[in-house]
Amino acid sequence: MSDYIVKIIPKDPFYKVSDVTLRLAKSFLQMRVRCDFIEVGVSETPVFVDCGENLDKISCPECGAKLDPEWWGEAMDQAAECGFTSLKTEMPCCKRLMSLNDLDYDFLCGFASALISIFNPVEYIDDKMLEAIENILGIPVRRIEAHI
């Protein structure tokens, strides 16, 4: 049986959330969401937060061209060489300079220095719940839905 994980990340991949603030968000969620468990974590530099088996395609946000997975893998390798301290890459389609964080991932993915993972929630983590998390963290967030 696969797991369903709702991952909540800051929209800004470089934003540093304090451990105290993350623990507050975790406590809030533990009181309001029925799930297997909740994990929180921080990292010095952004890490890629994926949607697991949900990922269908990746497209250019500028021109809409579908991106070759091999190109994307190479762009990720280049960004990894500098520890993801820069996410900028030149698009193969339109030659625009873009952030790997801003590509059109279908399902949504992103990069983050802080992560809240909710394992197998019983109810949908809706926009109202995300707004409450944004208020606790003090920043806009993204919801990434993963099946692993």
C-alpha atoms as a PDB file:
ATOM      1  CA  MET A   1       0.000   0.000   0.000  1.00  0.00           C
ATOM      2  CA  SER A   2       1.342   3.421  -0.906  1.00  0.00           C
ATOM      3  CA  ASP A   3       1.538   6.412   1.384  1.00  0.00           C
ATOM      4  CA  TYR A   4      -0.106   9.764   0.724  1.00  0.00           C
ATOM      5  CA  ILE A   5       1.957  12.653   2.068  1.00  0.00           C
ATOM      6  CA  VAL A   6       0.964  16.301   2.114  1.00  0.00           C
ATOM      7  CA  LYS A   7       4.111  18.405   2.162  1.00  0.00           C
ATOM      8  CA  ILE A   8       3.891  22.066   3.117  1.00  0.00           C
ATOM      9  CA  ILE A   9       6.801  24.292   2.125  1.00  0.00           C
ATOM     10  CA  PRO A  10       7.487  28.032   1.967  1.00  0.00           C
ATOM     11  CA  LYS A  11       7.005  29.454  -1.535  1.00  0.00           C
ATOM     12  CA  ASP A  12      10.443  31.057  -1.150  1.00  0.00           C
ATOM     13  CA  PRO A  13      12.917  28.136  -1.255  1.00  0.00           C
ATOM     14  CA  PHE A  14      15.570  30.098   0.660  1.00  0.00           C
ATOM     15  CA  TYR A  15      13.333  31.263   3.523  1.00  0.00           C
ATOM     16  CA  LYS A  16      14.571  30.067   6.915  1.00  0.00           C
ATOM     17  CA  VAL A  17      11.862  29.007   9.338  1.00  0.00           C
ATOM     18  CA  SER A  18      12.959  28.705  12.960  1.00  0.00           C
ATOM     19  CA  ASP A  19      12.731  25.375  14.766  1.00  0.00           C
ATOM     20  CA  VAL A  20      10.396  26.972  17.316  1.00  0.00           C
ATOM     21  CA  THR A  21       8.013  28.192  14.618  1.00  0.00           C
ATOM     22  CA  LEU A  22       8.023  24.788  12.905  1.00  0.00           C
ATOM     23  CA  ARG A  23       7.233  23.084  16.211  1.00  0.00           C
ATOM     24  CA  LEU A  24       4.302  25.497  16.698  1.00  0.00           C
ATOM     25  CA  ALA A  25       2.986  24.601  13.243  1.00  0.00           C
ATOM     26  CA  LYS A  26       3.418  20.891  13.985  1.00  0.00           C
ATOM     27  CA  SER A  27       1.534  21.203  17.303  1.00  0.00           C
ATOM     28  CA  PHE A  28      -1.254  23.120  15.596  1.00  0.00           C
ATOM     29  CA  LEU A  29      -1.597  20.416  12.930  1.00  0.00           C
ATOM     30  CA  GLN A  30      -1.448  17.559  15.449  1.00  0.00           C
ATOM     31  CA  MET A  31      -4.487  19.035  17.220  1.00  0.00           C
ATOM     32  CA  ARG A  32      -6.494  19.490  14.007  1.00  0.00           C
ATOM     33  CA  VAL A  33      -5.502  16.805  11.494  1.00  0.00           C
ATOM     34  CA  ARG A  34      -6.076  13.079  11.819  1.00  0.00           C
ATOM     35  CA  CYS A  35      -3.083  11.350  10.242  1.00  0.00           C
ATOM     36  CA  ASP A  36      -0.429   8.686  10.864  1.00  0.00           C
ATOM     37  CA  PHE A  37       2.169  11.257  11.948  1.00  0.00           C
ATOM     38  CA  ILE A  38       3.696  14.655  11.144  1.00  0.00           C
ATOM     39  CA  GLU A  39       7.378  15.423  10.568  1.00  0.00           C
ATOM     40  CA  VAL A  40       9.087  18.812  10.324  1.00  0.00           C
ATOM     41  CA  GLY A  41      12.594  19.632   9.202  1.00  0.00           C
ATOM     42  CA  VAL A  42      14.949  22.387   8.144  1.00  0.00           C
ATOM     43  CA  SER A  43      18.079  22.460   6.016  1.00  0.00           C
ATOM     44  CA  GLU A  44      20.797  25.032   5.419  1.00  0.00           C
ATOM     45  CA  THR A  45      20.137  25.123   1.680  1.00  0.00           C
ATOM     46  CA  PRO A  46      17.030  24.222  -0.308  1.00  0.00           C
ATOM     47  CA  VAL A  47      16.241  20.598  -1.075  1.00  0.00           C
ATOM     48  CA  PHE A  48      13.952  19.309  -3.801  1.00  0.00           C
ATOM     49  CA  VAL A  49      10.514  18.425  -2.450  1.00  0.00           C
ATOM     50  CA  ASP A  50       8.807  16.133  -4.923  1.00  0.00           C
ATOM     51  CA  CYS A  51       5.354  14.717  -5.466  1.00  0.00           C
ATOM     52  CA  GLY A  52       6.562  11.126  -5.749  1.00  0.00           C
ATOM     53  CA  GLU A  53       4.681   8.993  -8.243  1.00  0.00           C
ATOM     54  CA  ASN A  54       2.323  11.898  -9.049  1.00  0.00           C
ATOM     55  CA  LEU A  55       4.863  13.676 -11.290  1.00  0.00           C
ATOM     56  CA  ASP A  56       3.612  13.488 -14.866  1.00  0.00           C
ATOM     57  CA  LYS A  57       5.488  16.218 -16.715  1.00  0.00           C
ATOM     58  CA  ILE A  58       7.542  19.387 -16.311  1.00  0.00           C
ATOM     59  CA  SER A  59       6.968  22.429 -18.537  1.00  0.00           C
ATOM     60  CA  CYS A  60       8.501  25.851 -19.098  1.00  0.00           C
ATOM     61  CA  PRO A  61       6.469  28.537 -17.303  1.00  0.00           C
ATOM     62  CA  GLU A  62       7.432  31.093 -19.964  1.00  0.00           C
ATOM     63  CA  CYS A  63       6.563  29.343 -23.249  1.00  0.00           C
ATOM     64  CA  GLY A  64       4.747  26.196 -22.067  1.00  0.00           C
ATOM     65  CA  ALA A  65       7.109  23.751 -23.790  1.00  0.00           C
ATOM     66  CA  LYS A  66       7.288  20.281 -22.235  1.00  0.00           C
ATOM     67  CA  LEU A  67      10.803  19.748 -20.848  1.00  0.00           C
ATOM     68  CA  ASP A  68      12.861  16.650 -21.557  1.00  0.00           C
ATOM     69  CA  PRO A  69      13.420  14.686 -18.314  1.00  0.00           C
ATOM     70  CA  GLU A  70      17.086  14.225 -19.300  1.00  0.00           C
ATOM     71  CA  TRP A  71      17.559  18.013 -19.588  1.00  0.00           C
ATOM     72  CA  TRP A  72      15.847  18.496 -16.229  1.00  0.00           C
ATOM     73  CA  GLY A  73      18.085  15.862 -14.606  1.00  0.00           C
ATOM     74  CA  GLU A  74      21.182  17.635 -15.914  1.00  0.00           C
ATOM     75  CA  ALA A  75      19.890  21.012 -14.672  1.00  0.00           C
ATOM     76  CA  MET A  76      19.256  19.441 -11.253  1.00  0.00           C
ATOM     77  CA  ASP A  77      22.787  17.949 -11.240  1.00  0.00           C
ATOM     78  CA  GLN A  78      24.272  21.385 -11.994  1.00  0.00           C
ATOM     79  CA  ALA A  79      22.272  22.991  -9.196  1.00  0.00           C
ATOM     80  CA  ALA A  80      23.272  20.187  -6.822  1.00  0.00           C
ATOM     81  CA  GLU A  81      26.960  20.855  -7.532  1.00  0.00           C
ATOM     82  CA  CYS A  82      26.606  24.193  -5.724  1.00  0.00           C
ATOM     83  CA  GLY A  83      24.402  22.715  -2.995  1.00  0.00           C
ATOM     84  CA  PHE A  84      21.255  24.263  -4.514  1.00  0.00           C
ATOM     85  CA  THR A  85      22.449  27.727  -3.450  1.00  0.00           C
ATOM     86  CA  SER A  86      21.392  28.849  -6.949  1.00  0.00           C
ATOM     87  CA  LEU A  87      18.363  27.434  -8.718  1.00  0.00           C
ATOM     88  CA  LYS A  88      18.766  29.501 -11.903  1.00  0.00           C
ATOM     89  CA  THR A  89      19.033  27.693 -15.216  1.00  0.00           C
ATOM     90  CA  GLU A  90      18.696  28.590 -18.888  1.00  0.00           C
ATOM     91  CA  MET A  91      15.626  27.073 -20.461  1.00  0.00           C
ATOM     92  CA  PRO A  92      16.337  24.899 -23.515  1.00  0.00           C
ATOM     93  CA  CYS A  93      13.167  26.049 -25.280  1.00  0.00           C
ATOM     94  CA  CYS A  94      13.070  29.846 -25.016  1.00  0.00           C
ATOM     95  CA  LYS A  95      16.559  30.504 -23.578  1.00  0.00           C
ATOM     96  CA  ARG A  96      15.032  32.450 -20.671  1.00  0.00           C
ATOM     97  CA  LEU A  97      16.764  32.317 -17.296  1.00  0.00           C
ATOM     98  CA  MET A  98      14.417  30.585 -14.821  1.00  0.00           C
ATOM     99  CA  SER A  99      14.485  29.135 -11.337  1.00  0.00           C
ATOM    100  CA  LEU A 100      14.080  25.378 -11.092  1.00  0.00           C
ATOM    101  CA  ASN A 101      11.596  26.215  -8.330  1.00  0.00           C
ATOM    102  CA  ASP A 102       9.341  28.062 -10.784  1.00  0.00           C
ATOM    103  CA  LEU A 103       9.027  25.372 -13.447  1.00  0.00           C
ATOM    104  CA  ASP A 104       5.515  24.054 -14.067  1.00  0.00           C
ATOM    105  CA  TYR A 105       5.570  20.680 -12.333  1.00  0.00           C
ATOM    106  CA  ASP A 106       2.506  18.520 -12.890  1.00  0.00           C
ATOM    107  CA  PHE A 107       1.820  17.655  -9.921  1.00  0.00           C
ATOM    108  CA  LEU A 108       3.343  20.526  -7.975  1.00  0.00           C
ATOM    109  CA  CYS A 109       6.930  20.165  -6.687  1.00  0.00           C
ATOM    110  CA  GLY A 110       9.353  22.736  -5.308  1.00  0.00           C
ATOM    111  CA  PHE A 111      12.456  23.527  -3.340  1.00  0.00           C
ATOM    112  CA  ALA A 112      12.515  24.415   0.337  1.00  0.00           C
ATOM    113  CA  SER A 113      14.730  24.964   3.347  1.00  0.00           C
ATOM    114  CA  ALA A 114      11.815  24.045   5.634  1.00  0.00           C
ATOM    115  CA  LEU A 115       9.337  21.208   5.315  1.00  0.00           C
ATOM    116  CA  ILE A 116       6.216  19.975   7.084  1.00  0.00           C
ATOM    117  CA  SER A 117       5.146  16.450   6.054  1.00  0.00           C
ATOM    118  CA  ILE A 118       1.723  15.090   6.979  1.00  0.00           C
ATOM    119  CA  PHE A 119       1.576  11.319   6.472  1.00  0.00           C
ATOM    120  CA  ASN A 120      -1.729   9.806   5.347  1.00  0.00           C
ATOM    121  CA  PRO A 121      -4.111  12.549   6.468  1.00  0.00           C
ATOM    122  CA  VAL A 122      -7.706  11.370   6.766  1.00  0.00           C
ATOM    123  CA  GLU A 123      -9.159  14.653   5.532  1.00  0.00           C
ATOM    124  CA  TYR A 124      -8.011  16.954   2.739  1.00  0.00           C
ATOM    125  CA  ILE A 125      -5.600  19.704   3.810  1.00  0.00           C
ATOM    126  CA  ASP A 126      -7.623  22.572   2.376  1.00  0.00           C
ATOM    127  CA  ASP A 127      -6.826  26.210   1.651  1.00  0.00           C
ATOM    128  CA  LYS A 128      -8.235  27.284   5.029  1.00  0.00           C
ATOM    129  CA  MET A 129      -5.750  25.001   6.802  1.00  0.00           C
ATOM    130  CA  LEU A 130      -2.925  26.289   4.584  1.00  0.00           C
ATOM    131  CA  GLU A 131      -3.889  29.853   5.471  1.00  0.00           C
ATOM    132  CA  ALA A 132      -3.649  28.984   9.169  1.00  0.00           C
ATOM    133  CA  ILE A 133      -0.159  27.518   8.585  1.00  0.00           C
ATOM    134  CA  GLU A 134       0.823  30.660   6.673  1.00  0.00           C
ATOM    135  CA  ASN A 135      -0.267  32.734   9.673  1.00  0.00           C
ATOM    136  CA  ILE A 136       1.848  30.626  12.034  1.00  0.00           C
ATOM    137  CA  LEU A 137       4.915  30.663   9.783  1.00  0.00           C
ATOM    138  CA  GLY A 138       4.418  34.270   8.681  1.00  0.00           C
ATOM    139  CA  ILE A 139       4.995  33.415   4.989  1.00  0.00           C
ATOM    140  CA  PRO A 140       3.117  32.105   1.927  1.00  0.00           C
ATOM    141  CA  VAL A 141       3.279  28.320   1.517  1.00  0.00           C
ATOM    142  CA  ARG A 142       2.771  25.625  -1.135  1.00  0.00           C
ATOM    143  CA  ARG A 143       0.964  22.326  -0.750  1.00  0.00           C
ATOM    144  CA  ILE A 144       2.667  19.380  -2.467  1.00  0.00           C
ATOM    145  CA  GLU A 145       0.724  16.127  -2.635  1.00  0.00           C
ATOM    146  CA  ALA A 146       2.873  13.015  -2.941  1.00  0.00           C
ATOM    147  CA  HIS A 147       2.188   9.334  -3.377  1.00  0.00           C
ATOM    148  CA  ILE A 148       5.131   7.054  -2.603  1.00  0.00           C
END
